[in-house]
PDB file of N, CA and C in Angstrom:
ATOM      1  N   MET A   1     111.554 168.887 142.888  1.00  0.00           N
ATOM      2  CA  MET A   1     112.042 167.496 142.768  1.00  0.00           C
ATOM      3  C   MET A   1     111.333 166.861 141.686  1.00  0.00           C
ATOM      4  N   ALA A   2     112.125 166.041 141.052  1.00  0.00           N
ATOM      5  CA  ALA A   2     111.416 165.335 139.762  1.00  0.00           C
ATOM      6  C   ALA A   2     110.677 164.163 140.256  1.00  0.00           C
ATOM      7  N   LYS A   3     109.556 163.977 139.523  1.00  0.00           N
ATOM      8  CA  LYS A   3     108.731 162.872 139.840  1.00  0.00           C
ATOM      9  C   LYS A   3     109.260 161.593 139.261  1.00  0.00           C
ATOM     10  N   PRO A   4     109.450 160.508 139.987  1.00  0.00           N
ATOM     11  CA  PRO A   4     109.872 159.258 139.465  1.00  0.00           C
ATOM     12  C   PRO A   4     109.051 158.730 138.315  1.00  0.00           C
ATOM     13  N   VAL A   5     109.610 158.132 137.248  1.00  0.00           N
ATOM     14  CA  VAL A   5     108.934 157.524 136.333  1.00  0.00           C
ATOM     15  C   VAL A   5     109.419 156.087 136.114  1.00  0.00           C
ATOM     16  N   VAL A   6     108.470 155.030 136.380  1.00  0.00           N
ATOM     17  CA  VAL A   6     108.899 153.672 136.352  1.00  0.00           C
ATOM     18  C   VAL A   6     108.730 153.219 134.834  1.00  0.00           C
ATOM     19  N   LYS A   7     109.869 152.721 134.256  1.00  0.00           N
ATOM     20  CA  LYS A   7     109.740 152.227 132.919  1.00  0.00           C
ATOM     21  C   LYS A   7     109.327 150.863 132.898  1.00  0.00           C
ATOM     22  N   THR A   8     109.887 150.003 133.730  1.00  0.00           N
ATOM     23  CA  THR A   8     109.477 148.504 133.738  1.00  0.00           C
ATOM     24  C   THR A   8     109.973 148.030 135.074  1.00  0.00           C
ATOM     25  N   HIS A   9     109.170 146.972 135.543  1.00  0.00           N
ATOM     26  CA  HIS A   9     109.563 146.342 136.753  1.00  0.00           C
ATOM     27  C   HIS A   9     108.929 145.008 136.838  1.00  0.00           C
ATOM     28  N   ASP A  10     109.651 144.126 137.694  1.00  0.00           N
ATOM     29  CA  ASP A  10     109.076 142.721 138.097  1.00  0.00           C
ATOM     30  C   ASP A  10     109.482 142.731 139.618  1.00  0.00           C
ATOM     31  N   MET A  11     108.605 143.385 140.345  1.00  0.00           N
ATOM     32  CA  MET A  11     108.947 143.655 141.796  1.00  0.00           C
ATOM     33  C   MET A  11     107.636 143.934 142.523  1.00  0.00           C
ATOM     34  N   GLU A  12     107.516 143.452 143.829  1.00  0.00           N
ATOM     35  CA  GLU A  12     106.374 143.843 144.583  1.00  0.00           C
ATOM     36  C   GLU A  12     106.309 145.353 144.727  1.00  0.00           C
ATOM     37  N   PRO A  13     105.107 145.937 144.934  1.00  0.00           N
ATOM     38  CA  PRO A  13     104.973 147.360 145.054  1.00  0.00           C
ATOM     39  C   PRO A  13     105.746 147.941 146.248  1.00  0.00           C
ATOM     40  N   GLU A  14     105.852 147.274 147.424  1.00  0.00           N
ATOM     41  CA  GLU A  14     106.546 147.791 148.502  1.00  0.00           C
ATOM     42  C   GLU A  14     107.968 147.803 148.234  1.00  0.00           C
ATOM     43  N   MET A  15     108.535 146.937 147.582  1.00  0.00           N
ATOM     44  CA  MET A  15     109.973 146.935 147.226  1.00  0.00           C
ATOM     45  C   MET A  15     110.330 148.052 146.181  1.00  0.00           C
ATOM     46  N   LEU A  16     109.449 148.161 145.248  1.00  0.00           N
ATOM     47  CA  LEU A  16     109.520 149.240 144.311  1.00  0.00           C
ATOM     48  C   LEU A  16     109.571 150.631 144.978  1.00  0.00           C
ATOM     49  N   ASP A  17     108.604 150.780 145.891  1.00  0.00           N
ATOM     50  CA  ASP A  17     108.582 152.086 146.605  1.00  0.00           C
ATOM     51  C   ASP A  17     109.916 152.244 147.397  1.00  0.00           C
ATOM     52  N   PHE A  18     110.372 151.298 148.103  1.00  0.00           N
ATOM     53  CA  PHE A  18     111.613 151.356 148.723  1.00  0.00           C
ATOM     54  C   PHE A  18     112.745 151.800 147.751  1.00  0.00           C
ATOM     55  N   ALA A  19     112.775 151.229 146.621  1.00  0.00           N
ATOM     56  CA  ALA A  19     113.847 151.633 145.677  1.00  0.00           C
ATOM     57  C   ALA A  19     113.815 153.035 145.290  1.00  0.00           C
ATOM     58  N   ILE A  20     112.580 153.545 144.976  1.00  0.00           N
ATOM     59  CA  ILE A  20     112.262 154.878 144.559  1.00  0.00           C
ATOM     60  C   ILE A  20     112.634 155.896 145.751  1.00  0.00           C
ATOM     61  N   ASN A  21     112.140 155.572 146.892  1.00  0.00           N
ATOM     62  CA  ASN A  21     112.494 156.485 148.064  1.00  0.00           C
ATOM     63  C   ASN A  21     113.958 156.521 148.367  1.00  0.00           C
ATOM     64  N   LYS A  22     114.633 155.480 148.247  1.00  0.00           N
ATOM     65  CA  LYS A  22     116.098 155.418 148.420  1.00  0.00           C
ATOM     66  C   LYS A  22     116.866 156.210 147.339  1.00  0.00           C
ATOM     67  N   ALA A  23     116.344 156.070 146.169  1.00  0.00           N
ATOM     68  CA  ALA A  23     117.047 156.688 145.032  1.00  0.00           C
ATOM     69  C   ALA A  23     116.749 158.302 145.099  1.00  0.00           C
ATOM     70  N   LEU A  24     115.602 158.664 145.628  1.00  0.00           N
ATOM     71  CA  LEU A  24     115.335 160.178 145.853  1.00  0.00           C
ATOM     72  C   LEU A  24     116.244 160.719 146.960  1.00  0.00           C
ATOM     73  N   TYR A  25     116.383 159.916 147.978  1.00  0.00           N
ATOM     74  CA  TYR A  25     117.323 160.352 149.132  1.00  0.00           C
ATOM     75  C   TYR A  25     118.746 160.345 148.546  1.00  0.00           C
ATOM     76  N   ALA A  26     119.099 159.313 147.910  1.00  0.00           N
ATOM     77  CA  ALA A  26     120.612 159.246 147.309  1.00  0.00           C
ATOM     78  C   ALA A  26     120.852 160.470 146.410  1.00  0.00           C
ATOM     79  N   GLN A  27     119.859 160.761 145.462  1.00  0.00           N
ATOM     80  CA  GLN A  27     120.109 161.919 144.533  1.00  0.00           C
ATOM     81  C   GLN A  27     120.358 163.147 145.203  1.00  0.00           C
ATOM     82  N   GLU A  28     119.655 163.430 146.415  1.00  0.00           N
ATOM     83  CA  GLU A  28     119.871 164.604 147.124  1.00  0.00           C
ATOM     84  C   GLU A  28     121.099 164.663 148.033  1.00  0.00           C
ATOM     85  N   ASN A  29     121.555 163.509 148.413  1.00  0.00           N
ATOM     86  CA  ASN A  29     122.666 163.441 149.403  1.00  0.00           C
ATOM     87  C   ASN A  29     124.115 163.073 148.887  1.00  0.00           C
ATOM     88  N   PHE A  30     124.106 162.560 147.597  1.00  0.00           N
ATOM     89  CA  PHE A  30     125.383 162.058 147.060  1.00  0.00           C
ATOM     90  C   PHE A  30     125.712 162.919 145.847  1.00  0.00           C
ATOM     91  N   ASN A  31     126.894 162.954 145.434  1.00  0.00           N
ATOM     92  CA  ASN A  31     127.385 163.765 144.224  1.00  0.00           C
ATOM     93  C   ASN A  31     127.524 163.054 142.944  1.00  0.00           C
ATOM     94  N   SER A  32     127.893 161.865 143.006  1.00  0.00           N
ATOM     95  CA  SER A  32     128.128 161.021 141.895  1.00  0.00           C
ATOM     96  C   SER A  32     127.283 159.915 141.564  1.00  0.00           C
ATOM     97  N   GLU A  33     127.117 159.478 140.267  1.00  0.00           N
ATOM     98  CA  GLU A  33     126.336 158.318 140.024  1.00  0.00           C
ATOM     99  C   GLU A  33     126.792 156.982 140.721  1.00  0.00           C
ATOM    100  N   LYS A  34     128.136 156.968 140.777  1.00  0.00           N
ATOM    101  CA  LYS A  34     128.772 155.846 141.446  1.00  0.00           C
ATOM    102  C   LYS A  34     128.495 155.707 142.919  1.00  0.00           C
ATOM    103  N   GLU A  35     128.436 156.794 143.635  1.00  0.00           N
ATOM    104  CA  GLU A  35     128.174 156.877 145.061  1.00  0.00           C
ATOM    105  C   GLU A  35     126.543 156.455 145.187  1.00  0.00           C
ATOM    106  N   ILE A  36     125.783 156.968 144.259  1.00  0.00           N
ATOM    107  CA  ILE A  36     124.284 156.705 144.336  1.00  0.00           C
ATOM    108  C   ILE A  36     124.081 155.226 144.143  1.00  0.00           C
ATOM    109  N   ALA A  37     124.859 154.527 143.128  1.00  0.00           N
ATOM    110  CA  ALA A  37     124.633 153.116 142.790  1.00  0.00           C
ATOM    111  C   ALA A  37     125.133 152.332 144.018  1.00  0.00           C
ATOM    112  N   SER A  38     126.248 152.697 144.663  1.00  0.00           N
ATOM    113  CA  SER A  38     126.673 152.006 145.746  1.00  0.00           C
ATOM    114  C   SER A  38     125.719 151.992 146.950  1.00  0.00           C
ATOM    115  N   TYR A  39     125.276 153.245 147.220  1.00  0.00           N
ATOM    116  CA  TYR A  39     124.290 153.360 148.228  1.00  0.00           C
ATOM    117  C   TYR A  39     123.073 152.451 148.075  1.00  0.00           C
ATOM    118  N   LEU A  40     122.588 152.428 146.819  1.00  0.00           N
ATOM    119  CA  LEU A  40     121.258 151.748 146.614  1.00  0.00           C
ATOM    120  C   LEU A  40     121.582 150.164 146.708  1.00  0.00           C
ATOM    121  N   LYS A  41     122.683 149.744 146.046  1.00  0.00           N
ATOM    122  CA  LYS A  41     123.084 148.289 146.295  1.00  0.00           C
ATOM    123  C   LYS A  41     123.227 147.907 147.727  1.00  0.00           C
ATOM    124  N   ASN A  42     123.826 148.738 148.524  1.00  0.00           N
ATOM    125  CA  ASN A  42     124.002 148.342 149.943  1.00  0.00           C
ATOM    126  C   ASN A  42     122.696 148.464 150.746  1.00  0.00           C
ATOM    127  N   GLN A  43     121.781 149.414 150.420  1.00  0.00           N
ATOM    128  CA  GLN A  43     120.567 149.360 151.100  1.00  0.00           C
ATOM    129  C   GLN A  43     119.668 148.159 150.705  1.00  0.00           C
ATOM    130  N   PHE A  44     119.731 147.721 149.478  1.00  0.00           N
ATOM    131  CA  PHE A  44     119.066 146.605 149.097  1.00  0.00           C
ATOM    132  C   PHE A  44     119.477 145.265 149.614  1.00  0.00           C
ATOM    133  N   GLU A  45     120.822 145.200 149.729  1.00  0.00           N
ATOM    134  CA  GLU A  45     121.438 143.931 150.280  1.00  0.00           C
ATOM    135  C   GLU A  45     121.122 143.952 151.779  1.00  0.00           C
ATOM    136  N   GLU A  46     121.118 145.051 152.374  1.00  0.00           N
ATOM    137  CA  GLU A  46     120.688 145.075 153.878  1.00  0.00           C
ATOM    138  C   GLU A  46     119.295 144.564 154.092  1.00  0.00           C
ATOM    139  N   MET A  47     118.372 145.117 153.339  1.00  0.00           N
ATOM    140  CA  MET A  47     116.972 144.915 153.446  1.00  0.00           C
ATOM    141  C   MET A  47     116.582 143.572 152.835  1.00  0.00           C
ATOM    142  N   TYR A  48     117.112 143.165 151.648  1.00  0.00           N
ATOM    143  CA  TYR A  48     116.492 142.112 150.926  1.00  0.00           C
ATOM    144  C   TYR A  48     117.651 140.983 150.650  1.00  0.00           C
ATOM    145  N   ASP A  49     118.755 141.020 151.378  1.00  0.00           N
ATOM    146  CA  ASP A  49     119.772 139.921 151.177  1.00  0.00           C
ATOM    147  C   ASP A  49     120.471 140.039 149.731  1.00  0.00           C
ATOM    148  N   PRO A  50     121.732 139.653 149.734  1.00  0.00           N
ATOM    149  CA  PRO A  50     122.616 139.704 148.503  1.00  0.00           C
ATOM    150  C   PRO A  50     121.987 138.749 147.545  1.00  0.00           C
ATOM    151  N   THR A  51     122.332 138.849 146.265  1.00  0.00           N
ATOM    152  CA  THR A  51     123.352 139.751 145.732  1.00  0.00           C
ATOM    153  C   THR A  51     122.635 140.696 144.687  1.00  0.00           C
ATOM    154  N   TRP A  52     122.666 141.936 144.890  1.00  0.00           N
ATOM    155  CA  TRP A  52     121.951 143.035 144.103  1.00  0.00           C
ATOM    156  C   TRP A  52     122.951 143.774 143.352  1.00  0.00           C
ATOM    157  N   HIS A  53     122.542 144.251 142.079  1.00  0.00           N
ATOM    158  CA  HIS A  53     123.400 144.963 141.237  1.00  0.00           C
ATOM    159  C   HIS A  53     122.559 146.287 140.911  1.00  0.00           C
ATOM    160  N   CYS A  54     123.314 147.417 140.813  1.00  0.00           N
ATOM    161  CA  CYS A  54     122.688 148.684 140.523  1.00  0.00           C
ATOM    162  C   CYS A  54     123.431 149.523 139.594  1.00  0.00           C
ATOM    163  N   ILE A  55     122.690 149.986 138.566  1.00  0.00           N
ATOM    164  CA  ILE A  55     123.352 150.844 137.473  1.00  0.00           C
ATOM    165  C   ILE A  55     122.575 152.106 137.651  1.00  0.00           C
ATOM    166  N   VAL A  56     123.396 153.189 137.554  1.00  0.00           N
ATOM    167  CA  VAL A  56     122.739 154.553 137.613  1.00  0.00           C
ATOM    168  C   VAL A  56     123.484 155.359 136.550  1.00  0.00           C
ATOM    169  N   GLY A  57     122.679 156.163 135.789  1.00  0.00           N
ATOM    170  CA  GLY A  57     123.236 157.134 134.850  1.00  0.00           C
ATOM    171  C   GLY A  57     122.230 157.543 133.786  1.00  0.00           C
ATOM    172  N   ARG A  58     122.657 158.344 132.860  1.00  0.00           N
ATOM    173  CA  ARG A  58     121.846 159.008 131.894  1.00  0.00           C
ATOM    174  C   ARG A  58     121.829 158.222 130.700  1.00  0.00           C
ATOM    175  N   HIS A  59     122.845 157.566 130.228  1.00  0.00           N
ATOM    176  CA  HIS A  59     122.968 156.804 129.026  1.00  0.00           C
ATOM    177  C   HIS A  59     123.541 155.393 129.226  1.00  0.00           C
ATOM    178  N   PHE A  60     122.600 154.378 129.146  1.00  0.00           N
ATOM    179  CA  PHE A  60     123.269 152.919 129.218  1.00  0.00           C
ATOM    180  C   PHE A  60     122.174 151.990 128.637  1.00  0.00           C
ATOM    181  N   GLY A  61     122.838 150.989 128.181  1.00  0.00           N
ATOM    182  CA  GLY A  61     122.038 149.943 127.640  1.00  0.00           C
ATOM    183  C   GLY A  61     122.317 148.636 128.444  1.00  0.00           C
ATOM    184  N   SER A  62     121.372 147.776 128.455  1.00  0.00           N
ATOM    185  CA  SER A  62     121.625 146.590 129.369  1.00  0.00           C
ATOM    186  C   SER A  62     120.719 145.404 128.803  1.00  0.00           C
ATOM    187  N   TYR A  63     121.205 144.134 129.232  1.00  0.00           N
ATOM    188  CA  TYR A  63     120.397 142.977 128.975  1.00  0.00           C
ATOM    189  C   TYR A  63     120.879 142.110 130.120  1.00  0.00           C
ATOM    190  N   VAL A  64     119.935 141.884 131.084  1.00  0.00           N
ATOM    191  CA  VAL A  64     120.312 141.267 132.284  1.00  0.00           C
ATOM    192  C   VAL A  64     119.427 140.053 132.666  1.00  0.00           C
ATOM    193  N   THR A  65     119.947 139.134 133.457  1.00  0.00           N
ATOM    194  CA  THR A  65     119.058 138.027 133.940  1.00  0.00           C
ATOM    195  C   THR A  65     118.903 138.248 135.424  1.00  0.00           C
ATOM    196  N   HIS A  66     117.705 138.086 135.906  1.00  0.00           N
ATOM    197  CA  HIS A  66     117.556 138.480 137.377  1.00  0.00           C
ATOM    198  C   HIS A  66     116.589 137.502 137.957  1.00  0.00           C
ATOM    199  N   GLU A  67     116.587 137.373 139.210  1.00  0.00           N
ATOM    200  CA  GLU A  67     115.661 136.515 139.991  1.00  0.00           C
ATOM    201  C   GLU A  67     114.254 137.025 139.775  1.00  0.00           C
ATOM    202  N   LYS A  68     113.278 136.104 139.858  1.00  0.00           N
ATOM    203  CA  LYS A  68     111.848 136.474 139.696  1.00  0.00           C
ATOM    204  C   LYS A  68     111.496 137.507 140.736  1.00  0.00           C
ATOM    205  N   SER A  69     110.757 138.467 140.330  1.00  0.00           N
ATOM    206  CA  SER A  69     110.269 139.475 141.193  1.00  0.00           C
ATOM    207  C   SER A  69     111.386 140.432 141.861  1.00  0.00           C
ATOM    208  N   ARG A  70     112.522 140.481 141.199  1.00  0.00           N
ATOM    209  CA  ARG A  70     113.636 141.241 141.692  1.00  0.00           C
ATOM    210  C   ARG A  70     114.346 142.093 140.683  1.00  0.00           C
ATOM    211  N   TYR A  71     113.499 142.986 140.021  1.00  0.00           N
ATOM    212  CA  TYR A  71     114.073 143.774 138.982  1.00  0.00           C
ATOM    213  C   TYR A  71     113.206 145.097 138.930  1.00  0.00           C
ATOM    214  N   CYS A  72     113.934 146.338 138.713  1.00  0.00           N
ATOM    215  CA  CYS A  72     113.169 147.474 138.431  1.00  0.00           C
ATOM    216  C   CYS A  72     114.070 148.507 137.636  1.00  0.00           C
ATOM    217  N   TYR A  73     113.388 149.225 136.803  1.00  0.00           N
ATOM    218  CA  TYR A  73     114.208 150.274 136.006  1.00  0.00           C
ATOM    219  C   TYR A  73     113.180 151.538 135.948  1.00  0.00           C
ATOM    220  N   PHE A  74     113.831 152.516 136.473  1.00  0.00           N
ATOM    221  CA  PHE A  74     112.993 153.817 136.603  1.00  0.00           C
ATOM    222  C   PHE A  74     113.933 154.959 136.424  1.00  0.00           C
ATOM    223  N   TYR A  75     113.310 156.206 136.260  1.00  0.00           N
ATOM    224  CA  TYR A  75     114.027 157.470 136.153  1.00  0.00           C
ATOM    225  C   TYR A  75     113.536 158.254 137.216  1.00  0.00           C
ATOM    226  N   VAL A  76     114.490 159.109 137.764  1.00  0.00           N
ATOM    227  CA  VAL A  76     114.300 160.218 138.661  1.00  0.00           C
ATOM    228  C   VAL A  76     114.827 161.386 137.981  1.00  0.00           C
ATOM    229  N   GLY A  77     114.131 162.198 137.338  1.00  0.00           N
ATOM    230  CA  GLY A  77     114.557 163.333 136.493  1.00  0.00           C
ATOM    231  C   GLY A  77     115.359 162.724 135.285  1.00  0.00           C
ATOM    232  N   GLN A  78     116.547 163.073 135.127  1.00  0.00           N
ATOM    233  CA  GLN A  78     117.386 162.621 134.037  1.00  0.00           C
ATOM    234  C   GLN A  78     118.101 161.334 134.436  1.00  0.00           C
ATOM    235  N   MET A  79     118.030 161.021 135.628  1.00  0.00           N
ATOM    236  CA  MET A  79     118.850 159.851 136.190  1.00  0.00           C
ATOM    237  C   MET A  79     118.098 158.576 136.062  1.00  0.00           C
ATOM    238  N   GLY A  80     118.763 157.541 135.260  1.00  0.00           N
ATOM    239  CA  GLY A  80     118.063 156.240 135.092  1.00  0.00           C
ATOM    240  C   GLY A  80     118.642 155.358 136.245  1.00  0.00           C
ATOM    241  N   VAL A  81     117.878 154.495 136.786  1.00  0.00           N
ATOM    242  CA  VAL A  81     118.217 153.596 137.848  1.00  0.00           C
ATOM    243  C   VAL A  81     117.738 152.274 137.530  1.00  0.00           C
ATOM    244  N   MET A  82     118.618 151.212 137.539  1.00  0.00           N
ATOM    245  CA  MET A  82     118.355 149.824 137.401  1.00  0.00           C
ATOM    246  C   MET A  82     118.713 149.111 138.531  1.00  0.00           C
ATOM    247  N   LEU A  83     117.877 148.266 139.157  1.00  0.00           N
ATOM    248  CA  LEU A  83     118.296 147.482 140.354  1.00  0.00           C
ATOM    249  C   LEU A  83     117.817 146.064 139.864  1.00  0.00           C
ATOM    250  N   PHE A  84     118.671 145.051 140.106  1.00  0.00           N
ATOM    251  CA  PHE A  84     118.231 143.683 140.003  1.00  0.00           C
ATOM    252  C   PHE A  84     119.084 142.794 140.853  1.00  0.00           C
ATOM    253  N   LYS A  85     118.480 141.604 141.180  1.00  0.00           N
ATOM    254  CA  LYS A  85     119.076 140.644 142.072  1.00  0.00           C
ATOM    255  C   LYS A  85     119.452 139.402 141.267  1.00  0.00           C
ATOM    256  N   THR A  86     120.663 138.909 141.550  1.00  0.00           N
ATOM    257  CA  THR A  86     121.065 137.542 141.020  1.00  0.00           C
ATOM    258  C   THR A  86     121.272 136.526 142.162  1.00  0.00           C
ATOM    259  N   PRO A  87     121.142 135.232 141.790  1.00  0.00           N
ATOM    260  CA  PRO A  87     121.230 134.242 142.936  1.00  0.00           C
ATOM    261  C   PRO A  87     122.715 134.190 143.379  1.00  0.00           C
TER     262      PRO A  87
END
Protein backbone atom coordinates (compact mmCIF):
# COMPACT_ATOMS: atom_id res chain seq x y z
CA MET A 1 0.00 0.00 0.00
CA ALA A 2 1.25 3.47 -0.91
CA LYS A 3 2.25 5.84 1.87
CA PRO A 4 0.18 9.05 1.85
CA VAL A 5 2.10 12.24 1.07
CA VAL A 6 0.52 15.49 2.27
CA LYS A 7 1.33 18.34 -0.13
CA THR A 8 -0.45 21.14 1.72
CA HIS A 9 -3.21 21.54 4.26
CA ASP A 10 -5.10 24.00 6.43
CA MET A 11 -6.82 21.50 8.70
CA GLU A 12 -6.65 20.07 12.22
CA PRO A 13 -4.51 16.90 12.49
CA GLU A 14 -7.51 14.72 13.45
CA MET A 15 -9.45 15.89 10.40
CA LEU A 16 -6.45 15.31 8.13
CA ASP A 17 -6.05 11.78 9.54
CA PHE A 18 -9.77 11.17 8.90
CA ALA A 19 -9.30 12.29 5.27
CA ILE A 20 -6.26 10.08 4.70
CA ASN A 21 -7.83 7.01 6.33
CA LYS A 22 -11.04 7.40 4.34
CA ALA A 23 -9.04 7.89 1.12
CA LEU A 24 -7.05 4.70 1.78
CA TYR A 25 -10.29 2.79 2.40
CA ALA A 26 -11.92 4.25 -0.73
CA GLN A 27 -8.94 3.45 -2.94
CA GLU A 28 -9.16 -0.22 -1.93
CA ASN A 29 -12.96 -0.48 -2.18
CA PHE A 30 -13.99 1.59 -5.20
CA ASN A 31 -13.04 1.33 -8.86
CA SER A 32 -13.29 4.87 -10.20
CA GLU A 33 -11.99 8.27 -9.17
CA LYS A 34 -15.57 9.57 -9.31
CA GLU A 35 -16.75 6.93 -6.80
CA ILE A 36 -13.82 7.74 -4.49
CA ALA A 37 -14.56 11.48 -4.66
CA SER A 38 -18.25 10.91 -3.97
CA TYR A 39 -17.49 8.65 -1.00
CA LEU A 40 -15.04 11.15 0.53
CA LYS A 41 -17.44 14.08 0.07
CA ASN A 42 -20.26 12.13 1.72
CA GLN A 43 -18.07 10.99 4.62
CA PHE A 44 -16.94 14.57 5.29
CA GLU A 45 -20.46 15.97 5.08
CA GLU A 46 -21.69 13.36 7.57
CA MET A 47 -18.84 14.00 10.01
CA TYR A 48 -18.17 17.74 9.54
CA ASP A 49 -21.39 19.17 8.04
CA PRO A 50 -21.90 20.46 4.46
CA THR A 51 -20.73 21.76 2.07
CA TRP A 52 -17.57 19.83 1.10
CA HIS A 53 -16.01 19.40 -2.33
CA CYS A 54 -13.67 16.62 -3.39
CA ILE A 55 -11.42 16.27 -6.43
CA VAL A 56 -9.62 12.98 -7.07
CA GLY A 57 -7.25 12.22 -9.93
CA ARG A 58 -3.77 12.03 -11.36
CA HIS A 59 -3.68 15.32 -13.29
CA PHE A 60 -5.60 18.40 -12.27
CA GLY A 61 -5.03 22.03 -11.46
CA SER A 62 -7.10 24.13 -9.14
CA TYR A 63 -7.52 27.45 -7.41
CA VAL A 64 -10.14 27.34 -4.69
CA THR A 65 -11.50 29.41 -1.83
CA HIS A 66 -12.22 27.48 1.35
CA GLU A 67 -13.31 27.97 4.92
CA LYS A 68 -10.50 28.51 7.41
CA SER A 69 -9.02 25.18 8.61
CA ARG A 70 -11.02 23.22 6.04
CA TYR A 71 -8.61 22.29 3.21
CA CYS A 72 -6.22 19.47 2.37
CA TYR A 73 -4.35 18.21 -0.66
CA PHE A 74 -2.48 14.93 -0.55
CA TYR A 75 -1.43 11.93 -2.61
CA VAL A 76 -2.02 8.23 -2.02
CA GLY A 77 0.31 6.61 -4.53
CA GLN A 78 -0.46 8.23 -7.90
CA MET A 79 -3.90 9.44 -6.80
CA GLY A 80 -4.21 13.09 -5.81
CA VAL A 81 -6.98 14.05 -3.37
CA MET A 82 -8.20 17.57 -2.65
CA LEU A 83 -10.92 18.18 -0.06
CA PHE A 84 -12.25 21.58 0.93
CA LYS A 85 -15.29 23.13 2.54
CA THR A 86 -17.24 26.18 1.39
CA PRO A 87 -19.83 28.11 3.41
